[in-house]
mmCIF file of all heavy atoms, coordinates in Angstrom:
data_MODEL
# 
_entry.id   MODEL 
# 
loop_
_atom_site.group_PDB 
_atom_site.id 
_atom_site.type_symbol 
_atom_site.label_atom_id 
_atom_site.label_alt_id 
_atom_site.label_comp_id 
_atom_site.label_asym_id 
_atom_site.label_entity_id 
_atom_site.label_seq_id 
_atom_site.pdbx_PDB_ins_code 
_atom_site.Cartn_x 
_atom_site.Cartn_y 
_atom_site.Cartn_z 
_atom_site.occupancy 
_atom_site.B_iso_or_equiv 
_atom_site.pdbx_formal_charge 
_atom_site.auth_seq_id 
_atom_site.auth_comp_id 
_atom_site.auth_asym_id 
_atom_site.auth_atom_id 
_atom_site.pdbx_PDB_model_num 
ATOM 1   N N   . ALA A 1 1  ? 131.480 143.721 141.182 1.00 0.00 ? 1  ALA A N   1 
ATOM 2   C CA  . ALA A 1 1  ? 131.823 144.803 142.106 1.00 0.00 ? 1  ALA A CA  1 
ATOM 3   C C   . ALA A 1 1  ? 132.981 144.401 143.018 1.00 0.00 ? 1  ALA A C   1 
ATOM 4   O O   . ALA A 1 1  ? 133.829 145.238 143.349 1.00 0.00 ? 1  ALA A O   1 
ATOM 5   C CB  . ALA A 1 1  ? 130.605 145.189 142.933 1.00 0.00 ? 1  ALA A CB  1 
ATOM 6   N N   . GLU A 1 2  ? 133.046 143.140 143.424 1.00 0.00 ? 2  GLU A N   1 
ATOM 7   C CA  . GLU A 1 2  ? 134.128 142.670 144.290 1.00 0.00 ? 2  GLU A CA  1 
ATOM 8   C C   . GLU A 1 2  ? 135.475 142.733 143.576 1.00 0.00 ? 2  GLU A C   1 
ATOM 9   O O   . GLU A 1 2  ? 136.486 143.132 144.155 1.00 0.00 ? 2  GLU A O   1 
ATOM 10  C CB  . GLU A 1 2  ? 133.859 141.242 144.770 1.00 0.00 ? 2  GLU A CB  1 
ATOM 11  C CG  . GLU A 1 2  ? 132.699 141.130 145.739 1.00 0.00 ? 2  GLU A CG  1 
ATOM 12  C CD  . GLU A 1 2  ? 131.342 141.083 145.039 1.00 0.00 ? 2  GLU A CD  1 
ATOM 13  O OE1 . GLU A 1 2  ? 131.289 140.830 143.809 1.00 0.00 ? 2  GLU A OE1 1 
ATOM 14  O OE2 . GLU A 1 2  ? 130.342 141.318 145.710 1.00 0.00 ? 2  GLU A OE2 1 
ATOM 15  N N   . GLU A 1 3  ? 135.497 142.323 142.291 1.00 0.00 ? 3  GLU A N   1 
ATOM 16  C CA  . GLU A 1 3  ? 136.743 142.393 141.519 1.00 0.00 ? 3  GLU A CA  1 
ATOM 17  C C   . GLU A 1 3  ? 137.182 143.838 141.306 1.00 0.00 ? 3  GLU A C   1 
ATOM 18  O O   . GLU A 1 3  ? 138.372 144.153 141.406 1.00 0.00 ? 3  GLU A O   1 
ATOM 19  C CB  . GLU A 1 3  ? 136.564 141.705 140.160 1.00 0.00 ? 3  GLU A CB  1 
ATOM 20  C CG  . GLU A 1 3  ? 136.499 140.207 140.231 1.00 0.00 ? 3  GLU A CG  1 
ATOM 21  C CD  . GLU A 1 3  ? 136.263 139.601 138.874 1.00 0.00 ? 3  GLU A CD  1 
ATOM 22  O OE1 . GLU A 1 3  ? 135.315 140.022 138.182 1.00 0.00 ? 3  GLU A OE1 1 
ATOM 23  O OE2 . GLU A 1 3  ? 137.041 138.703 138.507 1.00 0.00 ? 3  GLU A OE2 1 
ATOM 24  N N   . VAL A 1 4  ? 136.221 144.705 140.992 1.00 0.00 ? 4  VAL A N   1 
ATOM 25  C CA  . VAL A 1 4  ? 136.541 146.125 140.795 1.00 0.00 ? 4  VAL A CA  1 
ATOM 26  C C   . VAL A 1 4  ? 137.096 146.716 142.080 1.00 0.00 ? 4  VAL A C   1 
ATOM 27  O O   . VAL A 1 4  ? 138.089 147.450 142.062 1.00 0.00 ? 4  VAL A O   1 
ATOM 28  C CB  . VAL A 1 4  ? 135.293 146.896 140.302 1.00 0.00 ? 4  VAL A CB  1 
ATOM 29  C CG1 . VAL A 1 4  ? 135.547 148.385 140.290 1.00 0.00 ? 4  VAL A CG1 1 
ATOM 30  C CG2 . VAL A 1 4  ? 134.884 146.414 138.922 1.00 0.00 ? 4  VAL A CG2 1 
ATOM 31  N N   . GLU A 1 5  ? 136.487 146.367 143.217 1.00 0.00 ? 5  GLU A N   1 
ATOM 32  C CA  . GLU A 1 5  ? 136.965 146.875 144.511 1.00 0.00 ? 5  GLU A CA  1 
ATOM 33  C C   . GLU A 1 5  ? 138.392 146.407 144.789 1.00 0.00 ? 5  GLU A C   1 
ATOM 34  O O   . GLU A 1 5  ? 139.252 147.196 145.174 1.00 0.00 ? 5  GLU A O   1 
ATOM 35  C CB  . GLU A 1 5  ? 136.027 146.389 145.623 1.00 0.00 ? 5  GLU A CB  1 
ATOM 36  C CG  . GLU A 1 5  ? 136.442 146.801 147.011 1.00 0.00 ? 5  GLU A CG  1 
ATOM 37  C CD  . GLU A 1 5  ? 136.047 148.218 147.354 1.00 0.00 ? 5  GLU A CD  1 
ATOM 38  O OE1 . GLU A 1 5  ? 135.167 148.786 146.706 1.00 0.00 ? 5  GLU A OE1 1 
ATOM 39  O OE2 . GLU A 1 5  ? 136.648 148.762 148.307 1.00 0.00 ? 5  GLU A OE2 1 
ATOM 40  N N   . LYS A 1 6  ? 138.634 145.120 144.581 1.00 0.00 ? 6  LYS A N   1 
ATOM 41  C CA  . LYS A 1 6  ? 139.930 144.535 144.937 1.00 0.00 ? 6  LYS A CA  1 
ATOM 42  C C   . LYS A 1 6  ? 141.061 144.962 144.002 1.00 0.00 ? 6  LYS A C   1 
ATOM 43  O O   . LYS A 1 6  ? 142.162 145.268 144.460 1.00 0.00 ? 6  LYS A O   1 
ATOM 44  C CB  . LYS A 1 6  ? 139.812 143.011 144.929 1.00 0.00 ? 6  LYS A CB  1 
ATOM 45  C CG  . LYS A 1 6  ? 141.068 142.293 145.332 1.00 0.00 ? 6  LYS A CG  1 
ATOM 46  C CD  . LYS A 1 6  ? 140.850 140.790 145.370 1.00 0.00 ? 6  LYS A CD  1 
ATOM 47  C CE  . LYS A 1 6  ? 142.110 140.068 145.773 1.00 0.00 ? 6  LYS A CE  1 
ATOM 48  N NZ  . LYS A 1 6  ? 141.910 138.606 145.786 1.00 0.00 ? 6  LYS A NZ  1 
ATOM 49  N N   . PHE A 1 7  ? 140.795 144.997 142.696 1.00 0.00 ? 7  PHE A N   1 
ATOM 50  C CA  . PHE A 1 7  ? 141.868 145.220 141.738 1.00 0.00 ? 7  PHE A CA  1 
ATOM 51  C C   . PHE A 1 7  ? 141.964 146.651 141.204 1.00 0.00 ? 7  PHE A C   1 
ATOM 52  O O   . PHE A 1 7  ? 142.966 147.003 140.584 1.00 0.00 ? 7  PHE A O   1 
ATOM 53  C CB  . PHE A 1 7  ? 141.719 144.254 140.553 1.00 0.00 ? 7  PHE A CB  1 
ATOM 54  C CG  . PHE A 1 7  ? 141.888 142.818 140.939 1.00 0.00 ? 7  PHE A CG  1 
ATOM 55  C CD1 . PHE A 1 7  ? 140.810 141.951 140.922 1.00 0.00 ? 7  PHE A CD1 1 
ATOM 56  C CD2 . PHE A 1 7  ? 143.122 142.340 141.333 1.00 0.00 ? 7  PHE A CD2 1 
ATOM 57  C CE1 . PHE A 1 7  ? 140.960 140.620 141.283 1.00 0.00 ? 7  PHE A CE1 1 
ATOM 58  C CE2 . PHE A 1 7  ? 143.286 141.008 141.691 1.00 0.00 ? 7  PHE A CE2 1 
ATOM 59  C CZ  . PHE A 1 7  ? 142.200 140.152 141.670 1.00 0.00 ? 7  PHE A CZ  1 
ATOM 60  N N   . VAL A 1 8  ? 140.936 147.470 141.425 1.00 0.00 ? 8  VAL A N   1 
ATOM 61  C CA  . VAL A 1 8  ? 140.960 148.838 140.893 1.00 0.00 ? 8  VAL A CA  1 
ATOM 62  C C   . VAL A 1 8  ? 140.828 149.873 142.011 1.00 0.00 ? 8  VAL A C   1 
ATOM 63  O O   . VAL A 1 8  ? 141.692 150.732 142.177 1.00 0.00 ? 8  VAL A O   1 
ATOM 64  C CB  . VAL A 1 8  ? 139.860 149.047 139.822 1.00 0.00 ? 8  VAL A CB  1 
ATOM 65  C CG1 . VAL A 1 8  ? 139.869 150.490 139.333 1.00 0.00 ? 8  VAL A CG1 1 
ATOM 66  C CG2 . VAL A 1 8  ? 140.057 148.097 138.664 1.00 0.00 ? 8  VAL A CG2 1 
ATOM 67  N N   . THR A 1 9  ? 139.744 149.802 142.771 1.00 0.00 ? 9  THR A N   1 
ATOM 68  C CA  . THR A 1 9  ? 139.455 150.846 143.755 1.00 0.00 ? 9  THR A CA  1 
ATOM 69  C C   . THR A 1 9  ? 140.519 150.914 144.845 1.00 0.00 ? 9  THR A C   1 
ATOM 70  O O   . THR A 1 9  ? 141.045 151.998 145.139 1.00 0.00 ? 9  THR A O   1 
ATOM 71  C CB  . THR A 1 9  ? 138.066 150.630 144.380 1.00 0.00 ? 9  THR A CB  1 
ATOM 72  O OG1 . THR A 1 9  ? 137.096 150.578 143.330 1.00 0.00 ? 9  THR A OG1 1 
ATOM 73  C CG2 . THR A 1 9  ? 137.722 151.746 145.329 1.00 0.00 ? 9  THR A CG2 1 
ATOM 74  N N   . ILE A 1 10 ? 140.839 149.779 145.445 1.00 0.00 ? 10 ILE A N   1 
ATOM 75  C CA  . ILE A 1 10 ? 141.816 149.784 146.544 1.00 0.00 ? 10 ILE A CA  1 
ATOM 76  C C   . ILE A 1 10 ? 143.201 150.230 146.080 1.00 0.00 ? 10 ILE A C   1 
ATOM 77  O O   . ILE A 1 10 ? 143.824 151.069 146.750 1.00 0.00 ? 10 ILE A O   1 
ATOM 78  C CB  . ILE A 1 10 ? 141.837 148.413 147.250 1.00 0.00 ? 10 ILE A CB  1 
ATOM 79  C CG1 . ILE A 1 10 ? 140.508 148.218 147.984 1.00 0.00 ? 10 ILE A CG1 1 
ATOM 80  C CG2 . ILE A 1 10 ? 143.005 148.307 148.213 1.00 0.00 ? 10 ILE A CG2 1 
ATOM 81  C CD1 . ILE A 1 10 ? 140.322 146.850 148.612 1.00 0.00 ? 10 ILE A CD1 1 
ATOM 82  N N   . PRO A 1 11 ? 143.729 149.738 144.930 1.00 0.00 ? 11 PRO A N   1 
ATOM 83  C CA  . PRO A 1 11 ? 145.032 150.258 144.489 1.00 0.00 ? 11 PRO A CA  1 
ATOM 84  C C   . PRO A 1 11 ? 145.045 151.766 144.207 1.00 0.00 ? 11 PRO A C   1 
ATOM 85  O O   . PRO A 1 11 ? 146.032 152.449 144.507 1.00 0.00 ? 11 PRO A O   1 
ATOM 86  C CB  . PRO A 1 11 ? 145.333 149.462 143.216 1.00 0.00 ? 11 PRO A CB  1 
ATOM 87  C CG  . PRO A 1 11 ? 144.579 148.193 143.378 1.00 0.00 ? 11 PRO A CG  1 
ATOM 88  C CD  . PRO A 1 11 ? 143.332 148.577 144.118 1.00 0.00 ? 11 PRO A CD  1 
ATOM 89  N N   . VAL A 1 12 ? 143.948 152.299 143.666 1.00 0.00 ? 12 VAL A N   1 
ATOM 90  C CA  . VAL A 1 12 ? 143.898 153.749 143.411 1.00 0.00 ? 12 VAL A CA  1 
ATOM 91  C C   . VAL A 1 12 ? 143.831 154.510 144.736 1.00 0.00 ? 12 VAL A C   1 
ATOM 92  O O   . VAL A 1 12 ? 144.498 155.539 144.902 1.00 0.00 ? 12 VAL A O   1 
ATOM 93  C CB  . VAL A 1 12 ? 142.715 154.111 142.485 1.00 0.00 ? 12 VAL A CB  1 
ATOM 94  C CG1 . VAL A 1 12 ? 142.560 155.624 142.382 1.00 0.00 ? 12 VAL A CG1 1 
ATOM 95  C CG2 . VAL A 1 12 ? 142.924 153.515 141.112 1.00 0.00 ? 12 VAL A CG2 1 
ATOM 96  N N   . GLU A 1 13 ? 143.060 153.997 145.705 1.00 0.00 ? 13 GLU A N   1 
ATOM 97  C CA  . GLU A 1 13 ? 143.016 154.633 147.024 1.00 0.00 ? 13 GLU A CA  1 
ATOM 98  C C   . GLU A 1 13 ? 144.394 154.641 147.669 1.00 0.00 ? 13 GLU A C   1 
ATOM 99  O O   . GLU A 1 13 ? 144.801 155.642 148.265 1.00 0.00 ? 13 GLU A O   1 
ATOM 100 C CB  . GLU A 1 13 ? 142.030 153.903 147.933 1.00 0.00 ? 13 GLU A CB  1 
ATOM 101 C CG  . GLU A 1 13 ? 140.589 154.162 147.626 1.00 0.00 ? 13 GLU A CG  1 
ATOM 102 C CD  . GLU A 1 13 ? 139.675 153.385 148.552 1.00 0.00 ? 13 GLU A CD  1 
ATOM 103 O OE1 . GLU A 1 13 ? 140.140 152.505 149.299 1.00 0.00 ? 13 GLU A OE1 1 
ATOM 104 O OE2 . GLU A 1 13 ? 138.465 153.670 148.520 1.00 0.00 ? 13 GLU A OE2 1 
ATOM 105 N N   . ILE A 1 14 ? 145.117 153.538 147.574 1.00 0.00 ? 14 ILE A N   1 
ATOM 106 C CA  . ILE A 1 14 ? 146.460 153.469 148.152 1.00 0.00 ? 14 ILE A CA  1 
ATOM 107 C C   . ILE A 1 14 ? 147.388 154.460 147.464 1.00 0.00 ? 14 ILE A C   1 
ATOM 108 O O   . ILE A 1 14 ? 148.192 155.135 148.117 1.00 0.00 ? 14 ILE A O   1 
ATOM 109 C CB  . ILE A 1 14 ? 147.009 152.026 148.061 1.00 0.00 ? 14 ILE A CB  1 
ATOM 110 C CG1 . ILE A 1 14 ? 146.218 151.119 149.010 1.00 0.00 ? 14 ILE A CG1 1 
ATOM 111 C CG2 . ILE A 1 14 ? 148.499 151.980 148.378 1.00 0.00 ? 14 ILE A CG2 1 
ATOM 112 C CD1 . ILE A 1 14 ? 146.507 149.638 148.830 1.00 0.00 ? 14 ILE A CD1 1 
ATOM 113 N N   . ALA A 1 15 ? 147.269 154.592 146.145 1.00 0.00 ? 15 ALA A N   1 
ATOM 114 C CA  . ALA A 1 15 ? 148.104 155.549 145.412 1.00 0.00 ? 15 ALA A CA  1 
ATOM 115 C C   . ALA A 1 15 ? 147.767 156.991 145.778 1.00 0.00 ? 15 ALA A C   1 
ATOM 116 O O   . ALA A 1 15 ? 148.630 157.870 145.717 1.00 0.00 ? 15 ALA A O   1 
ATOM 117 C CB  . ALA A 1 15 ? 147.941 155.341 143.911 1.00 0.00 ? 15 ALA A CB  1 
ATOM 118 N N   . MET A 1 16 ? 146.523 157.265 146.192 1.00 0.00 ? 16 MET A N   1 
ATOM 119 C CA  . MET A 1 16 ? 146.095 158.622 146.537 1.00 0.00 ? 16 MET A CA  1 
ATOM 120 C C   . MET A 1 16 ? 146.343 158.976 148.000 1.00 0.00 ? 16 MET A C   1 
ATOM 121 O O   . MET A 1 16 ? 146.125 160.120 148.401 1.00 0.00 ? 16 MET A O   1 
ATOM 122 C CB  . MET A 1 16 ? 144.606 158.809 146.223 1.00 0.00 ? 16 MET A CB  1 
ATOM 123 C CG  . MET A 1 16 ? 144.272 158.758 144.756 1.00 0.00 ? 16 MET A CG  1 
ATOM 124 S SD  . MET A 1 16 ? 145.077 160.065 143.821 1.00 0.00 ? 16 MET A SD  1 
ATOM 125 C CE  . MET A 1 16 ? 146.190 159.115 142.815 1.00 0.00 ? 16 MET A CE  1 
ATOM 126 N N   . ASN A 1 17 ? 146.793 158.041 148.817 1.00 0.00 ? 17 ASN A N   1 
ATOM 127 C CA  . ASN A 1 17 ? 147.047 158.335 150.236 1.00 0.00 ? 17 ASN A CA  1 
ATOM 128 C C   . ASN A 1 17 ? 148.039 159.471 150.471 1.00 0.00 ? 17 ASN A C   1 
ATOM 129 O O   . ASN A 1 17 ? 147.849 160.261 151.387 1.00 0.00 ? 17 ASN A O   1 
ATOM 130 C CB  . ASN A 1 17 ? 147.484 157.077 150.978 1.00 0.00 ? 17 ASN A CB  1 
ATOM 131 C CG  . ASN A 1 17 ? 146.315 156.241 151.418 1.00 0.00 ? 17 ASN A CG  1 
ATOM 132 O OD1 . ASN A 1 17 ? 145.212 156.730 151.565 1.00 0.00 ? 17 ASN A OD1 1 
ATOM 133 N ND2 . ASN A 1 17 ? 146.558 154.962 151.624 1.00 0.00 ? 17 ASN A ND2 1 
ATOM 134 N N   . PRO A 1 18 ? 149.112 159.614 149.670 1.00 0.00 ? 18 PRO A N   1 
ATOM 135 C CA  . PRO A 1 18 ? 150.058 160.716 149.932 1.00 0.00 ? 18 PRO A CA  1 
ATOM 136 C C   . PRO A 1 18 ? 149.567 162.113 149.541 1.00 0.00 ? 18 PRO A C   1 
ATOM 137 O O   . PRO A 1 18 ? 150.266 163.090 149.763 1.00 0.00 ? 18 PRO A O   1 
ATOM 138 C CB  . PRO A 1 18 ? 151.283 160.357 149.095 1.00 0.00 ? 18 PRO A CB  1 
ATOM 139 C CG  . PRO A 1 18 ? 151.107 158.969 148.653 1.00 0.00 ? 18 PRO A CG  1 
ATOM 140 C CD  . PRO A 1 18 ? 149.661 158.668 148.716 1.00 0.00 ? 18 PRO A CD  1 
ATOM 141 N N   . VAL A 1 19 ? 148.377 162.218 148.957 1.00 0.00 ? 19 VAL A N   1 
ATOM 142 C CA  . VAL A 1 19 ? 147.862 163.535 148.547 1.00 0.00 ? 19 VAL A CA  1 
ATOM 143 C C   . VAL A 1 19 ? 147.774 164.443 149.771 1.00 0.00 ? 19 VAL A C   1 
ATOM 144 O O   . VAL A 1 19 ? 147.257 164.061 150.806 1.00 0.00 ? 19 VAL A O   1 
ATOM 145 C CB  . VAL A 1 19 ? 146.481 163.384 147.872 1.00 0.00 ? 19 VAL A CB  1 
ATOM 146 C CG1 . VAL A 1 19 ? 145.843 164.737 147.658 1.00 0.00 ? 19 VAL A CG1 1 
ATOM 147 C CG2 . VAL A 1 19 ? 146.607 162.655 146.562 1.00 0.00 ? 19 VAL A CG2 1 
ATOM 148 N N   . GLN A 1 20 ? 148.285 165.657 149.630 1.00 0.00 ? 20 GLN A N   1 
ATOM 149 C CA  . GLN A 1 20 ? 148.321 166.601 150.746 1.00 0.00 ? 20 GLN A CA  1 
ATOM 150 C C   . GLN A 1 20 ? 147.033 167.418 150.810 1.00 0.00 ? 20 GLN A C   1 
ATOM 151 O O   . GLN A 1 20 ? 146.388 167.671 149.803 1.00 0.00 ? 20 GLN A O   1 
ATOM 152 C CB  . GLN A 1 20 ? 149.509 167.529 150.593 1.00 0.00 ? 20 GLN A CB  1 
ATOM 153 C CG  . GLN A 1 20 ? 150.826 166.801 150.618 1.00 0.00 ? 20 GLN A CG  1 
ATOM 154 C CD  . GLN A 1 20 ? 151.984 167.740 150.352 1.00 0.00 ? 20 GLN A CD  1 
ATOM 155 O OE1 . GLN A 1 20 ? 151.809 168.914 150.071 1.00 0.00 ? 20 GLN A OE1 1 
ATOM 156 N NE2 . GLN A 1 20 ? 153.185 167.206 150.449 1.00 0.00 ? 20 GLN A NE2 1 
ATOM 157 N N   . ASN A 1 21 ? 146.697 167.851 152.017 1.00 0.00 ? 21 ASN A N   1 
ATOM 158 C CA  . ASN A 1 21 ? 145.563 168.743 152.285 1.00 0.00 ? 21 ASN A CA  1 
ATOM 159 C C   . ASN A 1 21 ? 144.213 168.143 151.912 1.00 0.00 ? 21 ASN A C   1 
ATOM 160 O O   . ASN A 1 21 ? 143.288 168.867 151.565 1.00 0.00 ? 21 ASN A O   1 
ATOM 161 C CB  . ASN A 1 21 ? 145.740 170.090 151.572 1.00 0.00 ? 21 ASN A CB  1 
ATOM 162 C CG  . ASN A 1 21 ? 146.974 170.809 152.020 1.00 0.00 ? 21 ASN A CG  1 
ATOM 163 O OD1 . ASN A 1 21 ? 147.277 170.850 153.205 1.00 0.00 ? 21 ASN A OD1 1 
ATOM 164 N ND2 . ASN A 1 21 ? 147.703 171.369 151.077 1.00 0.00 ? 21 ASN A ND2 1 
ATOM 165 N N   . LYS A 1 22 ? 144.081 166.831 151.979 1.00 0.00 ? 22 LYS A N   1 
ATOM 166 C CA  . LYS A 1 22 ? 142.784 166.234 151.693 1.00 0.00 ? 22 LYS A CA  1 
ATOM 167 C C   . LYS A 1 22 ? 141.987 166.105 152.993 1.00 0.00 ? 22 LYS A C   1 
ATOM 168 O O   . LYS A 1 22 ? 142.551 165.887 154.055 1.00 0.00 ? 22 LYS A O   1 
ATOM 169 C CB  . LYS A 1 22 ? 142.927 164.887 150.999 1.00 0.00 ? 22 LYS A CB  1 
ATOM 170 C CG  . LYS A 1 22 ? 143.434 163.767 151.862 1.00 0.00 ? 22 LYS A CG  1 
ATOM 171 C CD  . LYS A 1 22 ? 143.429 162.459 151.075 1.00 0.00 ? 22 LYS A CD  1 
ATOM 172 C CE  . LYS A 1 22 ? 143.936 161.340 151.930 1.00 0.00 ? 22 LYS A CE  1 
ATOM 173 N NZ  . LYS A 1 22 ? 145.328 161.072 151.833 1.00 0.00 ? 22 LYS A NZ  1 
ATOM 174 N N   . ILE A 1 23 ? 140.690 166.267 152.884 1.00 0.00 ? 23 ILE A N   1 
ATOM 175 C CA  . ILE A 1 23 ? 139.801 166.105 154.026 1.00 0.00 ? 23 ILE A CA  1 
ATOM 176 C C   . ILE A 1 23 ? 139.305 164.672 154.073 1.00 0.00 ? 23 ILE A C   1 
ATOM 177 O O   . ILE A 1 23 ? 139.302 164.046 155.115 1.00 0.00 ? 23 ILE A O   1 
ATOM 178 C CB  . ILE A 1 23 ? 138.614 167.085 153.945 1.00 0.00 ? 23 ILE A CB  1 
ATOM 179 C CG1 . ILE A 1 23 ? 139.111 168.511 154.083 1.00 0.00 ? 23 ILE A CG1 1 
ATOM 180 C CG2 . ILE A 1 23 ? 137.582 166.776 155.012 1.00 0.00 ? 23 ILE A CG2 1 
ATOM 181 C CD1 . ILE A 1 23 ? 138.038 169.550 153.882 1.00 0.00 ? 23 ILE A CD1 1 
ATOM 182 N N   . SER A 1 24 ? 138.861 164.172 152.928 1.00 0.00 ? 24 SER A N   1 
ATOM 183 C CA  . SER A 1 24 ? 138.362 162.803 152.897 1.00 0.00 ? 24 SER A CA  1 
ATOM 184 C C   . SER A 1 24 ? 138.576 162.173 151.536 1.00 0.00 ? 24 SER A C   1 
ATOM 185 O O   . SER A 1 24 ? 138.739 162.860 150.527 1.00 0.00 ? 24 SER A O   1 
ATOM 186 C CB  . SER A 1 24 ? 136.873 162.760 153.252 1.00 0.00 ? 24 SER A CB  1 
ATOM 187 O OG  . SER A 1 24 ? 136.109 163.340 152.223 1.00 0.00 ? 24 SER A OG  1 
ATOM 188 N N   . LEU A 1 25 ? 138.564 160.853 151.539 1.00 0.00 ? 25 LEU A N   1 
ATOM 189 C CA  . LEU A 1 25 ? 138.679 160.058 150.322 1.00 0.00 ? 25 LEU A CA  1 
ATOM 190 C C   . LEU A 1 25 ? 137.573 159.010 150.411 1.00 0.00 ? 25 LEU A C   1 
ATOM 191 O O   . LEU A 1 25 ? 137.578 158.189 151.319 1.00 0.00 ? 25 LEU A O   1 
ATOM 192 C CB  . LEU A 1 25 ? 140.056 159.402 150.254 1.00 0.00 ? 25 LEU A CB  1 
ATOM 193 C CG  . LEU A 1 25 ? 140.383 158.676 148.966 1.00 0.00 ? 25 LEU A CG  1 
ATOM 194 C CD1 . LEU A 1 25 ? 141.806 158.991 148.571 1.00 0.00 ? 25 LEU A CD1 1 
ATOM 195 C CD2 . LEU A 1 25 ? 140.191 157.204 149.098 1.00 0.00 ? 25 LEU A CD2 1 
ATOM 196 N N   . ARG A 1 26 ? 136.626 159.080 149.493 1.00 0.00 ? 26 ARG A N   1 
ATOM 197 C CA  . ARG A 1 26 ? 135.477 158.165 149.505 1.00 0.00 ? 26 ARG A CA  1 
ATOM 198 C C   . ARG A 1 26 ? 135.398 157.450 148.175 1.00 0.00 ? 26 ARG A C   1 
ATOM 199 O O   . ARG A 1 26 ? 135.693 158.020 147.124 1.00 0.00 ? 26 ARG A O   1 
ATOM 200 C CB  . ARG A 1 26 ? 134.189 158.938 149.761 1.00 0.00 ? 26 ARG A CB  1 
ATOM 201 C CG  . ARG A 1 26 ? 134.193 159.600 151.105 1.00 0.00 ? 26 ARG A CG  1 
ATOM 202 C CD  . ARG A 1 26 ? 132.943 160.374 151.328 1.00 0.00 ? 26 ARG A CD  1 
ATOM 203 N NE  . ARG A 1 26 ? 133.019 161.015 152.643 1.00 0.00 ? 26 ARG A NE  1 
ATOM 204 C CZ  . ARG A 1 26 ? 132.203 161.940 153.040 1.00 0.00 ? 26 ARG A CZ  1 
ATOM 205 N NH1 . ARG A 1 26 ? 131.243 162.350 152.257 1.00 0.00 ? 26 ARG A NH1 1 
ATOM 206 N NH2 . ARG A 1 26 ? 132.328 162.465 154.244 1.00 0.00 ? 26 ARG A NH2 1 
ATOM 207 N N   . SER A 1 27 ? 134.975 156.192 148.228 1.00 0.00 ? 27 SER A N   1 
ATOM 208 C CA  . SER A 1 27 ? 134.913 155.418 146.992 1.00 0.00 ? 27 SER A CA  1 
ATOM 209 C C   . SER A 1 27 ? 133.644 154.588 146.924 1.00 0.00 ? 27 SER A C   1 
ATOM 210 O O   . SER A 1 27 ? 133.034 154.262 147.941 1.00 0.00 ? 27 SER A O   1 
ATOM 211 C CB  . SER A 1 27 ? 136.127 154.502 146.889 1.00 0.00 ? 27 SER A CB  1 
ATOM 212 O OG  . SER A 1 27 ? 136.113 153.553 147.937 1.00 0.00 ? 27 SER A OG  1 
ATOM 213 N N   . THR A 1 28 ? 133.278 154.264 145.689 1.00 0.00 ? 28 THR A N   1 
ATOM 214 C CA  . THR A 1 28 ? 132.155 153.396 145.409 1.00 0.00 ? 28 THR A CA  1 
ATOM 215 C C   . THR A 1 28 ? 132.559 152.453 144.288 1.00 0.00 ? 28 THR A C   1 
ATOM 216 O O   . THR A 1 28 ? 133.116 152.895 143.284 1.00 0.00 ? 28 THR A O   1 
ATOM 217 C CB  . THR A 1 28 ? 130.923 154.208 144.952 1.00 0.00 ? 28 THR A CB  1 
ATOM 218 O OG1 . THR A 1 28 ? 130.619 155.176 145.944 1.00 0.00 ? 28 THR A OG1 1 
ATOM 219 C CG2 . THR A 1 28 ? 129.728 153.326 144.720 1.00 0.00 ? 28 THR A CG2 1 
ATOM 220 N N   . SER A 1 29 ? 132.294 151.167 144.482 1.00 0.00 ? 29 SER A N   1 
ATOM 221 C CA  . SER A 1 29 ? 132.564 150.178 143.458 1.00 0.00 ? 29 SER A CA  1 
ATOM 222 C C   . SER A 1 29 ? 131.268 149.472 143.098 1.00 0.00 ? 29 SER A C   1 
ATOM 223 O O   . SER A 1 29 ? 130.580 148.957 143.968 1.00 0.00 ? 29 SER A O   1 
ATOM 224 C CB  . SER A 1 29 ? 133.579 149.141 143.951 1.00 0.00 ? 29 SER A CB  1 
ATOM 225 O OG  . SER A 1 29 ? 134.796 149.750 144.258 1.00 0.00 ? 29 SER A OG  1 
# 
């Protein structure tokens, strides 16, 4: 879970930051 969080979840969250009109971004690893 730590590897998935560090190498997959966080980079995808960073890539999704510019999405417009979002209320929230939640993740689970």
